[in-house]
Amino acid sequence: MSSKYDIGLFGLWNQCNYGSIITYYALYRTLEKMGKTVLMIDRPNGNTAETNTHAKKFAAENYKGITMPVNNADLHRLNQCCDVFMTGSDQLWNYSVAKNYGKLFYLDFVADFKKKISYATSFGHEIDFAPESQRKLLQGYFKRFDKISVREDNGVDILKNIYGITAEQVIDPVFLCDKKVYDDLANKSKVKLPKEKYILSCLIDPTEDKKVSINTLSNVMDEMKTINLLDGFYWMSDKNAEKIGIEREKDVETADWINYIKNAEIIITDSYHTMCLAMIFKKNFVALPNKFRGYSRFDSIGRLFDITGKFAYEAEDMLRNPEIMLEPDYNKISSKISSEQKRCINWLSTSVKS
């Protein structure tokens, strides 16, 4: 590429997971607001045959700079284009994910003299899955970073106790943006919302127990209409819907997902980012912490915003914990979001400049 950019942002921003899409978009918009030009770096191991996904459509419509898919060996050429390289907020340091991409998520392709920053990058779980044989090598890569921040408090512990690295805990990028960013996206949605109030369920890993939780909420809400969403990987939706026997909305794009959240009466979800957007839109919600993808992010944000009372770890919690159905204390939550937003934007701005 011949163009020059302030920042090259690397991660899983174009996979069909609504949370991945929106967290990178929020970070991109935050960096743009700081006056930075941002190049979205495509992952070499992505499925280049999937050219017409809703994720790639979203990227094409919303990002000014995107690399063409390149081979691993060619990634080093991006050192000529970008002054700073950054990993975003996703489970990039969950070794079960990272190992599929060599050491790319540790920015091994970035030159020593280039600035390297992580913003809210995650290990995904409260433990590190990297084998002992890899940790010395990974420690070397972590030491090459100029600034490291992670999303979960136990990520700070992993870096300190296993790798001897000092890191800052920061909030997910979705909390850095003004709500208007999400209002603007919701306004682009073409879905026809019901006129009556509705429960929104959004599952990324559906199970029978979660279906029971949804049905329990429906009963508590006097059989209020329920709209069911599954994850954005459309090719998995039929199988996942059949797995637990639910009807779900089809062909839901990121703007639609946000629009459903914005207008719901109450939300029940095992999706971390659906829960985050519910908080941004000040919606009542029930979170179903997702063991398959790791409790860590739920537990960490639960402690940070004092919302653990809104978590149902199993269907029975819907009935035996009255706090679950209470409206969140959004005076308290919004105040905490505001203070964390200021702190983390300052950390990010200082890291990019220093």
Protein backbone atom coordinates (compact mmCIF):
# COMPACT_ATOMS: atom_id res chain seq x y z
CA MET A 1 0.00 0.00 0.00
CA SER A 2 1.25 3.49 -0.79
CA SER A 3 -0.92 5.46 1.67
CA LYS A 4 0.38 6.39 5.12
CA TYR A 5 -1.64 5.86 8.31
CA ASP A 6 -1.11 6.82 11.91
CA ILE A 7 -2.32 3.48 13.24
CA GLY A 8 -2.63 -0.05 11.89
CA LEU A 9 -5.40 -1.86 13.80
CA PHE A 10 -5.14 -5.64 13.78
CA GLY A 11 -7.61 -8.26 14.99
CA LEU A 12 -10.79 -10.16 14.17
CA TRP A 13 -12.81 -7.14 13.07
CA ASN A 14 -14.31 -8.69 9.94
CA GLN A 15 -15.61 -11.98 11.27
CA CYS A 16 -19.39 -12.36 11.45
CA ASN A 17 -19.70 -11.94 15.20
CA TYR A 18 -21.68 -8.82 16.13
CA GLY A 19 -19.55 -8.21 19.21
CA SER A 20 -16.27 -8.36 17.29
CA ILE A 21 -17.65 -6.06 14.61
CA ILE A 22 -18.88 -3.41 17.03
CA THR A 23 -15.91 -3.41 19.43
CA TYR A 24 -13.46 -2.70 16.61
CA TYR A 25 -15.77 -0.11 15.09
CA ALA A 26 -15.96 1.66 18.44
CA LEU A 27 -12.17 1.66 18.78
CA TYR A 28 -11.83 2.91 15.20
CA ARG A 29 -14.25 5.77 15.84
CA THR A 30 -12.49 6.67 19.10
CA LEU A 31 -9.11 6.85 17.37
CA GLU A 32 -10.60 8.89 14.53
CA LYS A 33 -12.02 11.32 17.07
CA MET A 34 -8.46 11.75 18.35
CA GLY A 35 -7.51 12.89 14.86
CA LYS A 36 -5.78 9.63 13.88
CA THR A 37 -5.95 7.89 10.53
CA VAL A 38 -6.54 4.16 10.93
CA LEU A 39 -5.77 1.24 8.63
CA MET A 40 -7.79 -1.90 9.32
CA ILE A 41 -5.41 -4.82 8.78
CA ASP A 42 -7.07 -7.96 7.43
CA ARG A 43 -5.98 -11.28 8.89
CA PRO A 44 -4.08 -13.44 6.41
CA ASN A 45 -5.74 -16.65 7.54
CA GLY A 46 -9.25 -15.31 7.02
CA ASN A 47 -11.50 -17.13 4.58
CA THR A 48 -11.08 -15.01 1.47
CA ALA A 49 -13.86 -16.98 -0.22
CA GLU A 50 -16.37 -15.37 2.13
CA THR A 51 -16.41 -12.06 0.30
CA ASN A 52 -20.07 -11.12 0.70
CA THR A 53 -20.60 -11.52 4.43
CA HIS A 54 -22.48 -8.86 6.39
CA ALA A 55 -19.25 -8.25 8.35
CA LYS A 56 -17.28 -7.38 5.24
CA LYS A 57 -20.18 -5.27 3.98
CA PHE A 58 -20.14 -3.36 7.28
CA ALA A 59 -16.38 -2.86 7.01
CA ALA A 60 -16.57 -1.60 3.43
CA GLU A 61 -19.27 0.92 4.41
CA ASN A 62 -17.62 2.21 7.57
CA TYR A 63 -13.82 2.06 7.27
CA LYS A 64 -11.79 4.40 5.11
CA GLY A 65 -8.66 2.24 5.03
CA ILE A 66 -8.67 -1.55 4.72
CA THR A 67 -5.81 -3.79 3.58
CA MET A 68 -6.37 -6.38 0.93
CA PRO A 69 -5.87 -9.90 2.34
CA VAL A 70 -2.13 -10.56 2.33
CA ASN A 71 0.11 -13.52 3.06
CA ASN A 72 1.78 -13.80 6.44
CA ALA A 73 5.13 -13.13 4.80
CA ASP A 74 3.88 -9.85 3.32
CA LEU A 75 2.56 -8.37 6.55
CA HIS A 76 5.97 -6.87 7.36
CA ARG A 77 5.50 -4.48 4.42
CA LEU A 78 2.87 -2.67 6.46
CA ASN A 79 5.73 -1.23 8.51
CA GLN A 80 6.13 1.18 5.61
CA CYS A 81 2.52 2.36 5.96
CA CYS A 82 1.84 2.73 9.69
CA ASP A 83 3.56 4.57 12.52
CA VAL A 84 1.77 2.65 15.31
CA PHE A 85 0.34 -0.88 15.42
CA MET A 86 -2.47 -1.84 17.76
CA THR A 87 -4.35 -4.98 18.76
CA GLY A 88 -7.97 -4.48 19.69
CA SER A 89 -10.43 -5.90 22.19
CA ASP A 90 -11.03 -9.54 21.49
CA GLN A 91 -9.76 -12.87 22.77
CA LEU A 92 -6.59 -12.49 20.71
CA TRP A 93 -4.36 -13.76 23.54
CA ASN A 94 -6.55 -16.79 24.22
CA TYR A 95 -3.93 -19.24 23.01
CA SER A 96 -6.53 -21.65 21.64
CA VAL A 97 -7.46 -18.85 19.23
CA ALA A 98 -4.05 -17.21 18.79
CA LYS A 99 -2.24 -20.43 17.82
CA ASN A 100 -4.23 -20.56 14.58
CA TYR A 101 -2.50 -17.37 13.46
CA GLY A 102 1.09 -18.13 14.40
CA LYS A 103 2.27 -15.19 16.50
CA LEU A 104 0.44 -12.51 14.52
CA PHE A 105 -1.73 -11.44 17.46
CA TYR A 106 1.46 -10.70 19.36
CA LEU A 107 2.47 -8.39 16.47
CA ASP A 108 5.50 -10.47 15.49
CA PHE A 109 5.40 -8.90 12.02
CA VAL A 110 5.90 -5.38 13.36
CA ALA A 111 9.41 -3.93 13.31
CA ASP A 112 11.18 -3.36 16.63
CA PHE A 113 11.33 0.40 16.06
CA LYS A 114 7.56 0.71 15.49
CA LYS A 115 5.26 1.49 18.41
CA LYS A 116 3.09 -1.41 19.54
CA ILE A 117 -0.01 -1.01 21.74
CA SER A 118 -2.78 -3.29 22.91
CA TYR A 119 -6.16 -1.88 23.84
CA ALA A 120 -8.38 -4.12 25.99
CA THR A 121 -6.98 -7.29 24.44
CA SER A 122 -8.22 -10.40 26.25
CA PHE A 123 -7.02 -13.85 27.34
CA GLY A 124 -10.68 -14.87 27.38
CA HIS A 125 -10.47 -16.88 30.59
CA GLU A 126 -9.10 -16.50 34.09
CA ILE A 127 -6.19 -18.80 33.17
CA ASP A 128 -3.60 -18.71 30.40
CA PHE A 129 -3.91 -21.53 27.87
CA ALA A 130 -0.44 -21.04 26.38
CA PRO A 131 1.71 -24.16 26.92
CA GLU A 132 4.75 -23.82 29.15
CA SER A 133 7.00 -24.38 26.13
CA GLN A 134 5.65 -21.20 24.49
CA ARG A 135 5.66 -18.81 27.42
CA LYS A 136 9.28 -17.65 27.20
CA LEU A 137 8.74 -16.78 23.53
CA LEU A 138 5.46 -15.00 24.27
CA GLN A 139 7.10 -13.07 27.09
CA GLY A 140 9.55 -11.73 24.54
CA TYR A 141 6.72 -10.57 22.31
CA PHE A 142 4.88 -8.93 25.22
CA LYS A 143 8.06 -7.06 26.15
CA ARG A 144 8.18 -5.57 22.65
CA PHE A 145 4.88 -3.76 23.28
CA ASP A 146 5.24 -0.13 24.30
CA LYS A 147 1.91 -0.10 26.15
CA ILE A 148 -0.30 -3.02 27.14
CA SER A 149 -3.88 -2.87 28.36
CA VAL A 150 -6.31 -5.74 28.86
CA ARG A 151 -10.07 -5.93 29.28
CA GLU A 152 -10.30 -8.16 32.35
CA ASP A 153 -8.75 -7.74 35.77
CA ASN A 154 -7.49 -11.33 35.69
CA GLY A 155 -5.72 -10.50 32.43
CA VAL A 156 -3.64 -8.05 34.45
CA ASP A 157 -2.83 -10.91 36.84
CA ILE A 158 -1.88 -13.32 34.04
CA LEU A 159 0.56 -10.84 32.52
CA LYS A 160 2.10 -9.99 35.90
CA ASN A 161 2.33 -13.47 37.40
CA ILE A 162 3.23 -15.52 34.32
CA TYR A 163 5.03 -13.07 32.04
CA GLY A 164 6.33 -10.40 34.41
CA ILE A 165 4.51 -7.70 32.44
CA THR A 166 2.72 -4.68 33.90
CA ALA A 167 -0.61 -3.96 32.20
CA GLU A 168 -3.53 -1.59 32.66
CA GLN A 169 -7.11 -2.80 32.89
CA VAL A 170 -9.37 -0.75 30.61
CA ILE A 171 -13.02 -0.91 29.57
CA ASP A 172 -14.16 -2.42 26.29
CA PRO A 173 -14.04 0.06 23.39
CA VAL A 174 -17.84 0.01 23.08
CA PHE A 175 -17.96 2.17 26.20
CA LEU A 176 -15.59 4.79 24.74
CA CYS A 177 -18.03 6.03 22.11
CA ASP A 178 -20.88 8.46 22.54
CA LYS A 179 -24.28 6.74 22.37
CA LYS A 180 -24.98 8.71 19.19
CA VAL A 181 -22.59 6.39 17.34
CA TYR A 182 -24.95 3.50 18.05
CA ASP A 183 -28.08 5.57 17.45
CA ASP A 184 -26.74 6.41 14.00
CA LEU A 185 -26.14 2.75 13.21
CA ALA A 186 -29.56 1.74 14.52
CA ASN A 187 -31.13 4.35 12.25
CA LYS A 188 -29.64 2.53 9.24
CA SER A 189 -31.53 -0.64 10.11
CA LYS A 190 -34.36 -1.62 7.80
CA VAL A 191 -35.95 -4.23 10.07
CA LYS A 192 -39.60 -3.77 10.91
CA LEU A 193 -39.90 -3.69 14.68
CA PRO A 194 -43.11 -4.87 16.38
CA LYS A 195 -45.45 -2.18 17.62
CA GLU A 196 -45.88 -3.92 20.97
CA LYS A 197 -43.23 -4.24 23.67
CA TYR A 198 -40.91 -7.20 23.29
CA ILE A 199 -38.28 -9.28 25.04
CA LEU A 200 -35.06 -9.61 23.08
CA SER A 201 -33.11 -12.83 23.46
CA CYS A 202 -29.68 -12.96 21.88
CA LEU A 203 -27.75 -16.22 22.12
CA ILE A 204 -24.38 -17.01 20.62
CA ASP A 205 -24.08 -20.48 22.19
CA PRO A 206 -27.65 -21.78 22.60
CA THR A 207 -28.40 -24.56 25.09
CA GLU A 208 -31.56 -26.08 26.51
CA ASP A 209 -30.86 -24.43 29.87
CA LYS A 210 -30.71 -21.01 28.22
CA LYS A 211 -33.98 -21.73 26.42
CA VAL A 212 -35.55 -22.48 29.81
CA SER A 213 -34.24 -19.14 31.07
CA ILE A 214 -35.83 -17.33 28.11
CA ASN A 215 -39.16 -19.10 28.66
CA THR A 216 -39.02 -18.29 32.37
CA LEU A 217 -38.49 -14.61 31.59
CA SER A 218 -41.39 -14.69 29.15
CA ASN A 219 -43.62 -16.14 31.86
CA VAL A 220 -42.53 -13.51 34.37
CA MET A 221 -43.26 -10.82 31.77
CA ASP A 222 -46.83 -12.09 31.19
CA GLU A 223 -46.02 -13.85 27.92
CA MET A 224 -44.60 -10.70 26.32
CA LYS A 225 -43.57 -11.21 22.68
CA THR A 226 -40.03 -12.54 22.36
CA ILE A 227 -37.68 -11.81 19.46
CA ASN A 228 -34.83 -14.30 19.21
CA LEU A 229 -31.46 -13.52 17.64
CA LEU A 230 -28.55 -15.88 17.18
CA ASP A 231 -24.98 -15.00 16.37
CA GLY A 232 -24.04 -13.39 13.07
CA PHE A 233 -22.55 -16.55 11.57
CA TYR A 234 -25.53 -17.21 9.32
CA TRP A 235 -24.30 -20.62 8.17
CA MET A 236 -24.59 -21.87 11.76
CA SER A 237 -28.00 -20.37 12.52
CA ASP A 238 -30.23 -23.16 11.21
CA LYS A 239 -28.33 -25.79 13.17
CA ASN A 240 -28.30 -23.69 16.34
CA ALA A 241 -32.01 -22.85 16.06
CA GLU A 242 -32.91 -26.50 15.54
CA LYS A 243 -30.65 -27.48 18.42
CA ILE A 244 -32.99 -25.92 20.97
CA GLY A 245 -36.14 -25.56 18.87
CA ILE A 246 -36.62 -21.81 18.61
CA GLU A 247 -37.76 -19.43 15.89
CA ARG A 248 -35.24 -16.70 15.20
CA GLU A 249 -34.88 -13.64 13.01
CA LYS A 250 -32.88 -14.23 9.84
CA ASP A 251 -30.31 -12.14 7.96
CA VAL A 252 -29.75 -9.81 10.90
CA GLU A 253 -26.98 -7.30 10.21
CA THR A 254 -25.06 -5.30 12.81
CA ALA A 255 -27.32 -2.24 12.49
CA ASP A 256 -30.37 -4.49 12.97
CA TRP A 257 -28.83 -6.11 16.06
CA ILE A 258 -28.27 -2.68 17.60
CA ASN A 259 -31.78 -1.55 16.64
CA TYR A 260 -33.34 -4.59 18.32
CA ILE A 261 -31.34 -3.87 21.49
CA LYS A 262 -32.19 -0.17 21.49
CA ASN A 263 -35.93 -0.78 21.31
CA ALA A 264 -36.31 -3.85 23.53
CA GLU A 265 -38.25 -3.76 26.79
CA ILE A 266 -35.87 -6.24 28.42
CA ILE A 267 -32.95 -8.28 27.10
CA ILE A 268 -31.73 -11.77 27.97
CA THR A 269 -28.40 -12.79 26.50
CA ASP A 270 -25.24 -14.87 26.76
CA SER A 271 -23.50 -12.32 24.52
CA TYR A 272 -21.05 -10.05 26.34
CA HIS A 273 -21.41 -7.20 23.85
CA THR A 274 -25.20 -7.44 23.74
CA MET A 275 -25.08 -6.94 27.51
CA CYS A 276 -22.69 -3.98 27.10
CA LEU A 277 -25.00 -2.29 24.59
CA ALA A 278 -27.98 -2.97 26.85
CA MET A 279 -26.13 -0.97 29.51
CA ILE A 280 -25.31 1.82 27.06
CA PHE A 281 -29.00 2.06 26.09
CA LYS A 282 -29.99 1.76 29.78
CA LYS A 283 -32.11 -1.33 29.27
CA ASN A 284 -33.15 -3.88 31.81
CA PHE A 285 -31.33 -7.14 31.10
CA VAL A 286 -30.56 -10.63 32.32
CA ALA A 287 -27.07 -11.90 31.51
CA LEU A 288 -26.38 -15.61 31.03
CA PRO A 289 -22.59 -15.81 31.57
CA ASN A 290 -21.17 -17.90 28.76
CA LYS A 291 -19.01 -20.74 30.09
CA PHE A 292 -18.07 -21.90 26.58
CA ARG A 293 -16.49 -18.54 25.73
CA GLY A 294 -15.35 -17.87 29.27
CA TYR A 295 -16.89 -16.46 32.44
CA SER A 296 -13.91 -14.14 32.84
CA ARG A 297 -15.28 -11.16 30.94
CA PHE A 298 -18.67 -11.38 32.68
CA ASP A 299 -17.12 -11.72 36.12
CA SER A 300 -14.71 -8.83 35.50
CA ILE A 301 -17.32 -6.38 34.22
CA GLY A 302 -19.70 -7.58 36.93
CA ARG A 303 -17.25 -6.49 39.58
CA LEU A 304 -16.39 -3.26 37.78
CA PHE A 305 -20.00 -2.07 37.41
CA ASP A 306 -21.49 -3.97 40.36
CA ILE A 307 -23.97 -5.88 38.19
CA THR A 308 -23.34 -9.48 39.26
CA GLY A 309 -26.88 -9.57 40.63
CA LYS A 310 -28.09 -9.49 37.00
CA PHE A 311 -26.32 -12.77 36.15
CA ALA A 312 -28.18 -16.08 35.83
CA TYR A 313 -25.62 -18.90 35.72
CA GLU A 314 -28.37 -21.50 35.42
CA ALA A 315 -32.09 -21.37 34.64
CA GLU A 316 -33.11 -21.79 38.29
CA ASP A 317 -31.42 -18.47 39.14
CA MET A 318 -34.23 -16.72 37.27
CA LEU A 319 -36.63 -17.68 40.06
CA ARG A 320 -34.48 -17.91 43.17
CA ASN A 321 -32.70 -14.57 42.76
CA PRO A 322 -35.26 -11.69 42.82
CA GLU A 323 -32.52 -9.14 42.05
CA ILE A 324 -32.22 -10.49 38.52
CA MET A 325 -35.51 -8.92 37.49
CA LEU A 326 -34.87 -5.51 39.06
CA GLU A 327 -34.01 -2.52 36.89
CA PRO A 328 -30.27 -1.81 37.00
CA ASP A 329 -29.20 1.29 38.93
CA TYR A 330 -28.29 3.35 35.89
CA ASN A 331 -27.45 6.46 37.88
CA LYS A 332 -24.64 4.47 39.44
CA ILE A 333 -23.72 2.55 36.29
CA SER A 334 -23.68 5.60 34.00
CA SER A 335 -21.52 7.50 36.47
CA LYS A 336 -19.04 4.63 36.52
CA ILE A 337 -19.06 4.35 32.72
CA SER A 338 -18.38 8.09 32.45
CA SER A 339 -15.42 8.01 34.84
CA GLU A 340 -13.97 4.88 33.22
CA GLN A 341 -14.47 6.37 29.77
CA LYS A 342 -12.44 9.46 30.70
CA ARG A 343 -9.68 7.39 32.31
CA CYS A 344 -9.38 4.95 29.43
CA ILE A 345 -9.55 7.55 26.65
CA ASN A 346 -6.77 9.39 28.43
CA TRP A 347 -4.73 6.16 28.64
CA LEU A 348 -5.28 5.48 24.95
CA SER A 349 -4.52 9.03 23.86
CA THR A 350 -1.35 9.17 25.95
CA SER A 351 -0.21 5.76 24.69
CA VAL A 352 -0.66 6.73 21.06
CA LYS A 353 1.19 10.04 21.54
CA SER A 354 4.03 9.00 23.85
